[in-house]
Amino acid sequence: MKATLDLPDELYRRVKARSALEGRPVRAVAVELFERWVESPPAGTRTPALPSVGRERQPTRFDNAAWLDIARRYIKPGMSHDLGAMREAIAEGWSAEVAAKLNPPDSNP
């Protein structure tokens, strides 16, 4: 089946250049990407949703981000979306976990 896609010029140039470097036709790259996408789990099924605060949460493009799985346990409902605040919360949570592992409660005399 033939299909026409309207891609941004810059993106198409980058795809064309990389496919040329790899010696692959753009069609083969597109088919591979479509196959991977179709065979992958639907968005939002790999990671649990963050708890909603007073309203229904809408899925985002970050729901399947691996880095977010690591940070998710440190994120609290109502937390600021400021990147500095998130980094600080992650650092505090991570350091508390490391301290607990290095100094287990039963190791104190």
PDB file of N, CA and C in Angstrom:
ATOM      1  N   MET A   1       0.841  -1.168   0.000  1.00  0.00           N
ATOM      2  CA  MET A   1       0.000   0.000   0.000  1.00  0.00           C
ATOM      3  C   MET A   1       0.888   1.233   0.000  1.00  0.00           C
ATOM      4  N   LYS A   2       0.493   2.215  -0.743  1.00  0.00           N
ATOM      5  CA  LYS A   2       1.226   3.469  -0.769  1.00  0.00           C
ATOM      6  C   LYS A   2       0.520   4.469   0.115  1.00  0.00           C
ATOM      7  N   ALA A   3       1.318   5.287   0.803  1.00  0.00           N
ATOM      8  CA  ALA A   3       0.776   6.339   1.657  1.00  0.00           C
ATOM      9  C   ALA A   3       1.672   7.561   1.522  1.00  0.00           C
ATOM     10  N   THR A   4       1.093   8.711   1.649  1.00  0.00           N
ATOM     11  CA  THR A   4       1.858   9.950   1.589  1.00  0.00           C
ATOM     12  C   THR A   4       1.855  10.595   2.960  1.00  0.00           C
ATOM     13  N   LEU A   5       3.027  10.946   3.437  1.00  0.00           N
ATOM     14  CA  LEU A   5       3.166  11.604   4.733  1.00  0.00           C
ATOM     15  C   LEU A   5       3.710  13.009   4.514  1.00  0.00           C
ATOM     16  N   ASP A   6       3.183  13.946   5.243  1.00  0.00           N
ATOM     17  CA  ASP A   6       3.667  15.321   5.183  1.00  0.00           C
ATOM     18  C   ASP A   6       4.584  15.534   6.382  1.00  0.00           C
ATOM     19  N   LEU A   7       5.899  15.475   6.145  1.00  0.00           N
ATOM     20  CA  LEU A   7       6.886  15.603   7.206  1.00  0.00           C
ATOM     21  C   LEU A   7       7.548  16.976   7.143  1.00  0.00           C
ATOM     22  N   PRO A   8       7.985  17.489   8.295  1.00  0.00           N
ATOM     23  CA  PRO A   8       8.753  18.732   8.268  1.00  0.00           C
ATOM     24  C   PRO A   8      10.025  18.532   7.437  1.00  0.00           C
ATOM     25  N   ASP A   9      10.389  19.543   6.651  1.00  0.00           N
ATOM     26  CA  ASP A   9      11.547  19.425   5.755  1.00  0.00           C
ATOM     27  C   ASP A   9      12.817  19.036   6.499  1.00  0.00           C
ATOM     28  N   GLU A  10      13.089  19.688   7.635  1.00  0.00           N
ATOM     29  CA  GLU A  10      14.319  19.424   8.386  1.00  0.00           C
ATOM     30  C   GLU A  10      14.358  17.974   8.883  1.00  0.00           C
ATOM     31  N   LEU A  11      13.233  17.472   9.357  1.00  0.00           N
ATOM     32  CA  LEU A  11      13.183  16.085   9.820  1.00  0.00           C
ATOM     33  C   LEU A  11      13.459  15.133   8.662  1.00  0.00           C
ATOM     34  N   TYR A  12      12.830  15.371   7.520  1.00  0.00           N
ATOM     35  CA  TYR A  12      13.041  14.488   6.380  1.00  0.00           C
ATOM     36  C   TYR A  12      14.503  14.513   5.936  1.00  0.00           C
ATOM     37  N   ARG A  13      15.135  15.692   5.933  1.00  0.00           N
ATOM     38  CA  ARG A  13      16.549  15.776   5.560  1.00  0.00           C
ATOM     39  C   ARG A  13      17.408  14.942   6.499  1.00  0.00           C
ATOM     40  N   ARG A  14      17.109  15.005   7.794  1.00  0.00           N
ATOM     41  CA  ARG A  14      17.887  14.238   8.767  1.00  0.00           C
ATOM     42  C   ARG A  14      17.674  12.738   8.590  1.00  0.00           C
ATOM     43  N   VAL A  15      16.429  12.341   8.347  1.00  0.00           N
ATOM     44  CA  VAL A  15      16.127  10.919   8.121  1.00  0.00           C
ATOM     45  C   VAL A  15      16.830  10.436   6.857  1.00  0.00           C
ATOM     46  N   LYS A  16      16.745  11.217   5.805  1.00  0.00           N
ATOM     47  CA  LYS A  16      17.370  10.851   4.523  1.00  0.00           C
ATOM     48  C   LYS A  16      18.889  10.720   4.683  1.00  0.00           C
ATOM     49  N   ALA A  17      19.502  11.663   5.402  1.00  0.00           N
ATOM     50  CA  ALA A  17      20.956  11.620   5.596  1.00  0.00           C
ATOM     51  C   ALA A  17      21.365  10.397   6.409  1.00  0.00           C
ATOM     52  N   ARG A  18      20.657  10.132   7.484  1.00  0.00           N
ATOM     53  CA  ARG A  18      21.030   8.972   8.314  1.00  0.00           C
ATOM     54  C   ARG A  18      20.790   7.662   7.570  1.00  0.00           C
ATOM     55  N   SER A  19      19.680   7.571   6.856  1.00  0.00           N
ATOM     56  CA  SER A  19      19.426   6.329   6.122  1.00  0.00           C
ATOM     57  C   SER A  19      20.495   6.115   5.050  1.00  0.00           C
ATOM     58  N   ALA A  20      20.977   7.207   4.446  1.00  0.00           N
ATOM     59  CA  ALA A  20      22.052   7.087   3.452  1.00  0.00           C
ATOM     60  C   ALA A  20      23.341   6.608   4.116  1.00  0.00           C
ATOM     61  N   LEU A  21      23.642   7.146   5.308  1.00  0.00           N
ATOM     62  CA  LEU A  21      24.841   6.712   6.021  1.00  0.00           C
ATOM     63  C   LEU A  21      24.781   5.230   6.360  1.00  0.00           C
ATOM     64  N   GLU A  22      23.584   4.740   6.663  1.00  0.00           N
ATOM     65  CA  GLU A  22      23.420   3.334   7.013  1.00  0.00           C
ATOM     66  C   GLU A  22      23.195   2.455   5.785  1.00  0.00           C
ATOM     67  N   GLY A  23      23.074   3.073   4.624  1.00  0.00           N
ATOM     68  CA  GLY A  23      22.863   2.311   3.400  1.00  0.00           C
ATOM     69  C   GLY A  23      21.492   1.674   3.323  1.00  0.00           C
ATOM     70  N   ARG A  24      20.503   2.327   3.905  1.00  0.00           N
ATOM     71  CA  ARG A  24      19.137   1.796   3.925  1.00  0.00           C
ATOM     72  C   ARG A  24      18.207   2.795   3.250  1.00  0.00           C
ATOM     73  N   PRO A  25      17.234   2.311   2.525  1.00  0.00           N
ATOM     74  CA  PRO A  25      16.248   3.231   1.951  1.00  0.00           C
ATOM     75  C   PRO A  25      15.342   3.811   3.038  1.00  0.00           C
ATOM     76  N   VAL A  26      14.873   5.027   2.821  1.00  0.00           N
ATOM     77  CA  VAL A  26      13.982   5.679   3.775  1.00  0.00           C
ATOM     78  C   VAL A  26      12.750   4.811   4.002  1.00  0.00           C
ATOM     79  N   ARG A  27      12.262   4.149   2.977  1.00  0.00           N
ATOM     80  CA  ARG A  27      11.089   3.288   3.099  1.00  0.00           C
ATOM     81  C   ARG A  27      11.324   2.199   4.143  1.00  0.00           C
ATOM     82  N   ALA A  28      12.518   1.571   4.129  1.00  0.00           N
ATOM     83  CA  ALA A  28      12.825   0.512   5.087  1.00  0.00           C
ATOM     84  C   ALA A  28      12.851   1.059   6.520  1.00  0.00           C
ATOM     85  N   VAL A  29      13.386   2.256   6.686  1.00  0.00           N
ATOM     86  CA  VAL A  29      13.412   2.883   8.007  1.00  0.00           C
ATOM     87  C   VAL A  29      11.984   3.144   8.482  1.00  0.00           C
ATOM     88  N   ALA A  30      11.144   3.689   7.599  1.00  0.00           N
ATOM     89  CA  ALA A  30       9.754   3.987   7.962  1.00  0.00           C
ATOM     90  C   ALA A  30       8.999   2.710   8.325  1.00  0.00           C
ATOM     91  N   VAL A  31       9.176   1.654   7.556  1.00  0.00           N
ATOM     92  CA  VAL A  31       8.501   0.388   7.836  1.00  0.00           C
ATOM     93  C   VAL A  31       8.942  -0.143   9.202  1.00  0.00           C
ATOM     94  N   GLU A  32      10.255  -0.080   9.485  1.00  0.00           N
ATOM     95  CA  GLU A  32      10.755  -0.553  10.775  1.00  0.00           C
ATOM     96  C   GLU A  32      10.139   0.244  11.930  1.00  0.00           C
ATOM     97  N   LEU A  33      10.085   1.562  11.792  1.00  0.00           N
ATOM     98  CA  LEU A  33       9.514   2.393  12.854  1.00  0.00           C
ATOM     99  C   LEU A  33       8.031   2.103  13.047  1.00  0.00           C
ATOM    100  N   PHE A  34       7.282   1.954  11.964  1.00  0.00           N
ATOM    101  CA  PHE A  34       5.857   1.631  12.082  1.00  0.00           C
ATOM    102  C   PHE A  34       5.664   0.263  12.742  1.00  0.00           C
ATOM    103  N   GLU A  35       6.467  -0.726  12.364  1.00  0.00           N
ATOM    104  CA  GLU A  35       6.345  -2.057  12.961  1.00  0.00           C
ATOM    105  C   GLU A  35       6.635  -2.027  14.458  1.00  0.00           C
ATOM    106  N   ARG A  36       7.683  -1.312  14.849  1.00  0.00           N
ATOM    107  CA  ARG A  36       7.995  -1.198  16.277  1.00  0.00           C
ATOM    108  C   ARG A  36       6.849  -0.540  17.033  1.00  0.00           C
ATOM    109  N   TRP A  37       6.314   0.518  16.456  1.00  0.00           N
ATOM    110  CA  TRP A  37       5.227   1.243  17.119  1.00  0.00           C
ATOM    111  C   TRP A  37       3.989   0.374  17.270  1.00  0.00           C
ATOM    112  N   VAL A  38       3.625  -0.346  16.231  1.00  0.00           N
ATOM    113  CA  VAL A  38       2.433  -1.199  16.273  1.00  0.00           C
ATOM    114  C   VAL A  38       2.615  -2.346  17.259  1.00  0.00           C
ATOM    115  N   GLU A  39       3.820  -2.886  17.358  1.00  0.00           N
ATOM    116  CA  GLU A  39       4.072  -4.032  18.229  1.00  0.00           C
ATOM    117  C   GLU A  39       4.307  -3.632  19.691  1.00  0.00           C
ATOM    118  N   SER A  40       4.558  -2.358  19.959  1.00  0.00           N
ATOM    119  CA  SER A  40       4.801  -1.921  21.338  1.00  0.00           C
ATOM    120  C   SER A  40       3.483  -1.773  22.081  1.00  0.00           C
ATOM    121  N   PRO A  41       3.533  -1.834  23.426  1.00  0.00           N
ATOM    122  CA  PRO A  41       2.296  -1.672  24.195  1.00  0.00           C
ATOM    123  C   PRO A  41       1.737  -0.261  24.004  1.00  0.00           C
ATOM    124  N   PRO A  42       0.420  -0.134  24.053  1.00  0.00           N
ATOM    125  CA  PRO A  42      -0.173   1.201  23.907  1.00  0.00           C
ATOM    126  C   PRO A  42       0.335   2.145  24.984  1.00  0.00           C
ATOM    127  N   ALA A  43       0.379   3.423  24.663  1.00  0.00           N
ATOM    128  CA  ALA A  43       0.857   4.436  25.606  1.00  0.00           C
ATOM    129  C   ALA A  43       0.072   4.352  26.905  1.00  0.00           C
ATOM    130  N   GLY A  44       0.795   4.470  28.009  1.00  0.00           N
ATOM    131  CA  GLY A  44       0.155   4.472  29.313  1.00  0.00           C
ATOM    132  C   GLY A  44      -0.041   3.099  29.930  1.00  0.00           C
ATOM    133  N   THR A  45       0.382   2.019  29.256  1.00  0.00           N
ATOM    134  CA  THR A  45       0.166   0.685  29.826  1.00  0.00           C
ATOM    135  C   THR A  45       1.386   0.143  30.540  1.00  0.00           C
ATOM    136  N   ARG A  46       2.572   0.740  30.334  1.00  0.00           N
ATOM    137  CA  ARG A  46       3.790   0.203  30.953  1.00  0.00           C
ATOM    138  C   ARG A  46       4.005   0.702  32.363  1.00  0.00           C
ATOM    139  N   THR A  47       3.604   1.922  32.661  1.00  0.00           N
ATOM    140  CA  THR A  47       3.858   2.481  33.976  1.00  0.00           C
ATOM    141  C   THR A  47       2.548   2.902  34.614  1.00  0.00           C
ATOM    142  N   PRO A  48       2.462   2.794  35.935  1.00  0.00           N
ATOM    143  CA  PRO A  48       1.235   3.232  36.601  1.00  0.00           C
ATOM    144  C   PRO A  48       1.107   4.745  36.537  1.00  0.00           C
ATOM    145  N   ALA A  49      -0.121   5.212  36.528  1.00  0.00           N
ATOM    146  CA  ALA A  49      -0.371   6.644  36.473  1.00  0.00           C
ATOM    147  C   ALA A  49      -0.046   7.282  37.816  1.00  0.00           C
ATOM    148  N   LEU A  50       0.375   8.526  37.760  1.00  0.00           N
ATOM    149  CA  LEU A  50       0.568   9.280  38.986  1.00  0.00           C
ATOM    150  C   LEU A  50      -0.784   9.522  39.624  1.00  0.00           C
ATOM    151  N   PRO A  51      -0.855   9.604  40.945  1.00  0.00           N
ATOM    152  CA  PRO A  51      -2.149   9.852  41.570  1.00  0.00           C
ATOM    153  C   PRO A  51      -2.692  11.217  41.146  1.00  0.00           C
ATOM    154  N   SER A  52      -3.996  11.275  40.893  1.00  0.00           N
ATOM    155  CA  SER A  52      -4.596  12.541  40.490  1.00  0.00           C
ATOM    156  C   SER A  52      -4.967  13.338  41.735  1.00  0.00           C
ATOM    157  N   VAL A  53      -4.963  14.627  41.614  1.00  0.00           N
ATOM    158  CA  VAL A  53      -5.282  15.507  42.733  1.00  0.00           C
ATOM    159  C   VAL A  53      -6.517  16.306  42.359  1.00  0.00           C
ATOM    160  N   GLY A  54      -7.684  15.791  42.735  1.00  0.00           N
ATOM    161  CA  GLY A  54      -8.923  16.523  42.532  1.00  0.00           C
ATOM    162  C   GLY A  54      -9.492  16.514  41.126  1.00  0.00           C
ATOM    163  N   ARG A  55      -8.785  15.977  40.144  1.00  0.00           N
ATOM    164  CA  ARG A  55      -9.317  15.908  38.788  1.00  0.00           C
ATOM    165  C   ARG A  55      -8.689  14.722  38.055  1.00  0.00           C
ATOM    166  N   GLU A  56      -9.321  14.327  36.981  1.00  0.00           N
ATOM    167  CA  GLU A  56      -8.834  13.187  36.204  1.00  0.00           C
ATOM    168  C   GLU A  56      -7.529  13.555  35.507  1.00  0.00           C
ATOM    169  N   ARG A  57      -6.519  12.705  35.597  1.00  0.00           N
ATOM    170  CA  ARG A  57      -5.226  12.947  34.978  1.00  0.00           C
ATOM    171  C   ARG A  57      -5.269  12.556  33.505  1.00  0.00           C
ATOM    172  N   GLN A  58      -4.742  13.416  32.656  1.00  0.00           N
ATOM    173  CA  GLN A  58      -4.656  13.135  31.226  1.00  0.00           C
ATOM    174  C   GLN A  58      -3.298  12.507  30.923  1.00  0.00           C
ATOM    175  N   PRO A  59      -3.253  11.480  30.053  1.00  0.00           N
ATOM    176  CA  PRO A  59      -1.969  10.867  29.707  1.00  0.00           C
ATOM    177  C   PRO A  59      -1.064  11.884  29.013  1.00  0.00           C
ATOM    178  N   THR A  60       0.247  11.720  29.198  1.00  0.00           N
ATOM    179  CA  THR A  60       1.219  12.588  28.548  1.00  0.00           C
ATOM    180  C   THR A  60       2.235  11.750  27.804  1.00  0.00           C
ATOM    181  N   ARG A  61       3.080  12.415  27.049  1.00  0.00           N
ATOM    182  CA  ARG A  61       4.114  11.701  26.298  1.00  0.00           C
ATOM    183  C   ARG A  61       5.189  11.139  27.217  1.00  0.00           C
ATOM    184  N   PHE A  62       5.198  11.535  28.495  1.00  0.00           N
ATOM    185  CA  PHE A  62       6.202  11.057  29.433  1.00  0.00           C
ATOM    186  C   PHE A  62       5.759   9.817  30.197  1.00  0.00           C
ATOM    187  N   ASP A  63       4.552   9.321  29.980  1.00  0.00           N
ATOM    188  CA  ASP A  63       4.050   8.182  30.751  1.00  0.00           C
ATOM    189  C   ASP A  63       4.940   6.946  30.623  1.00  0.00           C
ATOM    190  N   ASN A  64       5.603   6.770  29.486  1.00  0.00           N
ATOM    191  CA  ASN A  64       6.438   5.590  29.280  1.00  0.00           C
ATOM    192  C   ASN A  64       7.928   5.892  29.368  1.00  0.00           C
ATOM    193  N   ALA A  65       8.290   7.074  29.857  1.00  0.00           N
ATOM    194  CA  ALA A  65       9.698   7.446  29.946  1.00  0.00           C
ATOM    195  C   ALA A  65      10.386   6.659  31.061  1.00  0.00           C
ATOM    196  N   ALA A  66      11.459   5.968  30.714  1.00  0.00           N
ATOM    197  CA  ALA A  66      12.179   5.154  31.704  1.00  0.00           C
ATOM    198  C   ALA A  66      12.714   6.004  32.845  1.00  0.00           C
ATOM    199  N   TRP A  67      13.209   7.203  32.541  1.00  0.00           N
ATOM    200  CA  TRP A  67      13.748   8.061  33.595  1.00  0.00           C
ATOM    201  C   TRP A  67      12.668   8.451  34.587  1.00  0.00           C
ATOM    202  N   LEU A  68      11.411   8.534  34.113  1.00  0.00           N
ATOM    203  CA  LEU A  68      10.342   8.923  35.020  1.00  0.00           C
ATOM    204  C   LEU A  68      10.010   7.792  35.986  1.00  0.00           C
ATOM    205  N   ASP A  69      10.183   6.543  35.564  1.00  0.00           N
ATOM    206  CA  ASP A  69       9.974   5.415  36.481  1.00  0.00           C
ATOM    207  C   ASP A  69      10.906   5.524  37.683  1.00  0.00           C
ATOM    208  N   ILE A  70      12.136   5.962  37.442  1.00  0.00           N
ATOM    209  CA  ILE A  70      13.100   6.105  38.519  1.00  0.00           C
ATOM    210  C   ILE A  70      12.682   7.234  39.455  1.00  0.00           C
ATOM    211  N   ALA A  71      12.246   8.343  38.883  1.00  0.00           N
ATOM    212  CA  ALA A  71      11.908   9.534  39.677  1.00  0.00           C
ATOM    213  C   ALA A  71      10.511   9.477  40.287  1.00  0.00           C
ATOM    214  N   ARG A  72       9.646   8.634  39.751  1.00  0.00           N
ATOM    215  CA  ARG A  72       8.233   8.626  40.146  1.00  0.00           C
ATOM    216  C   ARG A  72       8.029   8.470  41.657  1.00  0.00           C
ATOM    217  N   ARG A  73       8.843   7.659  42.314  1.00  0.00           N
ATOM    218  CA  ARG A  73       8.619   7.425  43.740  1.00  0.00           C
ATOM    219  C   ARG A  73       8.931   8.656  44.591  1.00  0.00           C
ATOM    220  N   TYR A  74       9.634   9.642  44.035  1.00  0.00           N
ATOM    221  CA  TYR A  74       9.958  10.844  44.795  1.00  0.00           C
ATOM    222  C   TYR A  74       8.989  11.992  44.506  1.00  0.00           C
ATOM    223  N   ILE A  75       8.137  11.840  43.527  1.00  0.00           N
ATOM    224  CA  ILE A  75       7.217  12.902  43.133  1.00  0.00           C
ATOM    225  C   ILE A  75       5.954  12.790  43.978  1.00  0.00           C
ATOM    226  N   LYS A  76       5.559  13.881  44.553  1.00  0.00           N
ATOM    227  CA  LYS A  76       4.391  13.919  45.426  1.00  0.00           C
ATOM    228  C   LYS A  76       3.267  14.717  44.771  1.00  0.00           C
ATOM    229  N   PRO A  77       1.999  14.354  45.028  1.00  0.00           N
ATOM    230  CA  PRO A  77       0.887  15.125  44.478  1.00  0.00           C
ATOM    231  C   PRO A  77       0.972  16.581  44.925  1.00  0.00           C
ATOM    232  N   GLY A  78       0.691  17.492  44.013  1.00  0.00           N
ATOM    233  CA  GLY A  78       0.725  18.905  44.315  1.00  0.00           C
ATOM    234  C   GLY A  78       2.116  19.509  44.275  1.00  0.00           C
ATOM    235  N   MET A  79       3.114  18.701  43.931  1.00  0.00           N
ATOM    236  CA  MET A  79       4.491  19.175  43.897  1.00  0.00           C
ATOM    237  C   MET A  79       4.680  20.181  42.763  1.00  0.00           C
ATOM    238  N   SER A  80       5.585  21.113  42.969  1.00  0.00           N
ATOM    239  CA  SER A  80       5.899  22.120  41.953  1.00  0.00           C
ATOM    240  C   SER A  80       6.449  21.438  40.701  1.00  0.00           C
ATOM    241  N   HIS A  81       6.150  21.999  39.546  1.00  0.00           N
ATOM    242  CA  HIS A  81       6.684  21.468  38.298  1.00  0.00           C
ATOM    243  C   HIS A  81       8.017  22.117  37.932  1.00  0.00           C
ATOM    244  N   ASP A  82       8.535  22.936  38.833  1.00  0.00           N
ATOM    245  CA  ASP A  82       9.820  23.575  38.624  1.00  0.00           C
ATOM    246  C   ASP A  82      10.902  22.495  38.611  1.00  0.00           C
ATOM    247  N   LEU A  83      11.747  22.499  37.575  1.00  0.00           N
ATOM    248  CA  LEU A  83      12.762  21.459  37.436  1.00  0.00           C
ATOM    249  C   LEU A  83      13.706  21.430  38.626  1.00  0.00           C
ATOM    250  N   GLY A  84      14.056  22.594  39.152  1.00  0.00           N
ATOM    251  CA  GLY A  84      14.929  22.644  40.321  1.00  0.00           C
ATOM    252  C   GLY A  84      14.295  21.978  41.530  1.00  0.00           C
ATOM    253  N   ALA A  85      12.990  22.212  41.734  1.00  0.00           N
ATOM    254  CA  ALA A  85      12.280  21.598  42.860  1.00  0.00           C
ATOM    255  C   ALA A  85      12.219  20.084  42.693  1.00  0.00           C
ATOM    256  N   MET A  86      12.010  19.614  41.464  1.00  0.00           N
ATOM    257  CA  MET A  86      11.972  18.166  41.227  1.00  0.00           C
ATOM    258  C   MET A  86      13.341  17.549  41.471  1.00  0.00           C
ATOM    259  N   ARG A  87      14.387  18.209  41.002  1.00  0.00           N
ATOM    260  CA  ARG A  87      15.743  17.686  41.239  1.00  0.00           C
ATOM    261  C   ARG A  87      16.034  17.603  42.731  1.00  0.00           C
ATOM    262  N   GLU A  88      15.639  18.637  43.451  1.00  0.00           N
ATOM    263  CA  GLU A  88      15.871  18.655  44.897  1.00  0.00           C
ATOM    264  C   GLU A  88      15.116  17.519  45.590  1.00  0.00           C
ATOM    265  N   ALA A  89      13.861  17.291  45.205  1.00  0.00           N
ATOM    266  CA  ALA A  89      13.065  16.222  45.807  1.00  0.00           C
ATOM    267  C   ALA A  89      13.673  14.856  45.507  1.00  0.00           C
ATOM    268  N   ILE A  90      14.133  14.671  44.284  1.00  0.00           N
ATOM    269  CA  ILE A  90      14.757  13.397  43.908  1.00  0.00           C
ATOM    270  C   ILE A  90      16.052  13.209  44.690  1.00  0.00           C
ATOM    271  N   ALA A  91      16.867  14.264  44.792  1.00  0.00           N
ATOM    272  CA  ALA A  91      18.133  14.168  45.527  1.00  0.00           C
ATOM    273  C   ALA A  91      17.884  13.846  46.999  1.00  0.00           C
ATOM    274  N   GLU A  92      16.891  14.499  47.605  1.00  0.00           N
ATOM    275  CA  GLU A  92      16.582  14.239  49.008  1.00  0.00           C
ATOM    276  C   GLU A  92      16.100  12.805  49.211  1.00  0.00           C
ATOM    277  N   GLY A  93      15.193  12.354  48.349  1.00  0.00           N
ATOM    278  CA  GLY A  93      14.681  10.991  48.468  1.00  0.00           C
ATOM    279  C   GLY A  93      15.754   9.948  48.245  1.00  0.00           C
ATOM    280  N   TRP A  94      16.591  10.185  47.239  1.00  0.00           N
ATOM    281  CA  TRP A  94      17.648   9.236  46.926  1.00  0.00           C
ATOM    282  C   TRP A  94      18.668   9.188  48.056  1.00  0.00           C
ATOM    283  N   SER A  95      19.058  10.362  48.586  1.00  0.00           N
ATOM    284  CA  SER A  95      20.054  10.366  49.659  1.00  0.00           C
ATOM    285  C   SER A  95      19.502   9.695  50.920  1.00  0.00           C
ATOM    286  N   ALA A  96      18.210   9.852  51.193  1.00  0.00           N
ATOM    287  CA  ALA A  96      17.602   9.182  52.344  1.00  0.00           C
ATOM    288  C   ALA A  96      17.640   7.662  52.152  1.00  0.00           C
ATOM    289  N   GLU A  97      17.375   7.194  50.933  1.00  0.00           N
ATOM    290  CA  GLU A  97      17.442   5.757  50.656  1.00  0.00           C
ATOM    291  C   GLU A  97      18.858   5.224  50.837  1.00  0.00           C
ATOM    292  N   VAL A  98      19.843   5.961  50.317  1.00  0.00           N
ATOM    293  CA  VAL A  98      21.240   5.531  50.439  1.00  0.00           C
ATOM    294  C   VAL A  98      21.652   5.512  51.905  1.00  0.00           C
ATOM    295  N   ALA A  99      21.281   6.549  52.652  1.00  0.00           N
ATOM    296  CA  ALA A  99      21.624   6.606  54.082  1.00  0.00           C
ATOM    297  C   ALA A  99      21.006   5.431  54.836  1.00  0.00           C
ATOM    298  N   ALA A 100      19.757   5.091  54.493  1.00  0.00           N
ATOM    299  CA  ALA A 100      19.089   3.964  55.159  1.00  0.00           C
ATOM    300  C   ALA A 100      19.791   2.648  54.836  1.00  0.00           C
ATOM    301  N   LYS A 101      20.301   2.506  53.626  1.00  0.00           N
ATOM    302  CA  LYS A 101      21.010   1.278  53.260  1.00  0.00           C
ATOM    303  C   LYS A 101      22.375   1.194  53.942  1.00  0.00           C
ATOM    304  N   LEU A 102      23.046   2.347  54.073  1.00  0.00           N
ATOM    305  CA  LEU A 102      24.368   2.356  54.692  1.00  0.00           C
ATOM    306  C   LEU A 102      24.298   2.231  56.208  1.00  0.00           C
ATOM    307  N   ASN A 103      23.213   2.697  56.803  1.00  0.00           N
ATOM    308  CA  ASN A 103      23.030   2.656  58.257  1.00  0.00           C
ATOM    309  C   ASN A 103      21.714   1.984  58.597  1.00  0.00           C
ATOM    310  N   PRO A 104      21.624   0.659  58.456  1.00  0.00           N
ATOM    311  CA  PRO A 104      20.362  -0.009  58.778  1.00  0.00           C
ATOM    312  C   PRO A 104      20.015   0.202  60.253  1.00  0.00           C
ATOM    313  N   PRO A 105      18.721   0.231  60.602  1.00  0.00           N
ATOM    314  CA  PRO A 105      18.282   0.500  61.980  1.00  0.00           C
ATOM    315  C   PRO A 105      18.880  -0.475  62.995  1.00  0.00           C
ATOM    316  N   ASP A 106      19.092  -1.734  62.633  1.00  0.00           N
ATOM    317  CA  ASP A 106      19.598  -2.716  63.585  1.00  0.00           C
ATOM    318  C   ASP A 106      21.120  -2.675  63.722  1.00  0.00           C
ATOM    319  N   SER A 107      21.820  -1.771  62.985  1.00  0.00           N
ATOM    320  CA  SER A 107      23.281  -1.714  63.064  1.00  0.00           C
ATOM    321  C   SER A 107      23.744  -0.783  64.180  1.00  0.00           C
ATOM    322  N   ASN A 108      22.838   0.054  64.721  1.00  0.00           N
ATOM    323  CA  ASN A 108      23.199   0.948  65.819  1.00  0.00           C
ATOM    324  C   ASN A 108      23.204   0.175  67.132  1.00  0.00           C
ATOM    325  N   PRO A 109      24.268   0.344  67.966  1.00  0.00           N
ATOM    326  CA  PRO A 109      24.334  -0.408  69.231  1.00  0.00           C
ATOM    327  C   PRO A 109      23.391   0.122  70.271  1.00  0.00           C
TER     328      PRO A 109
END
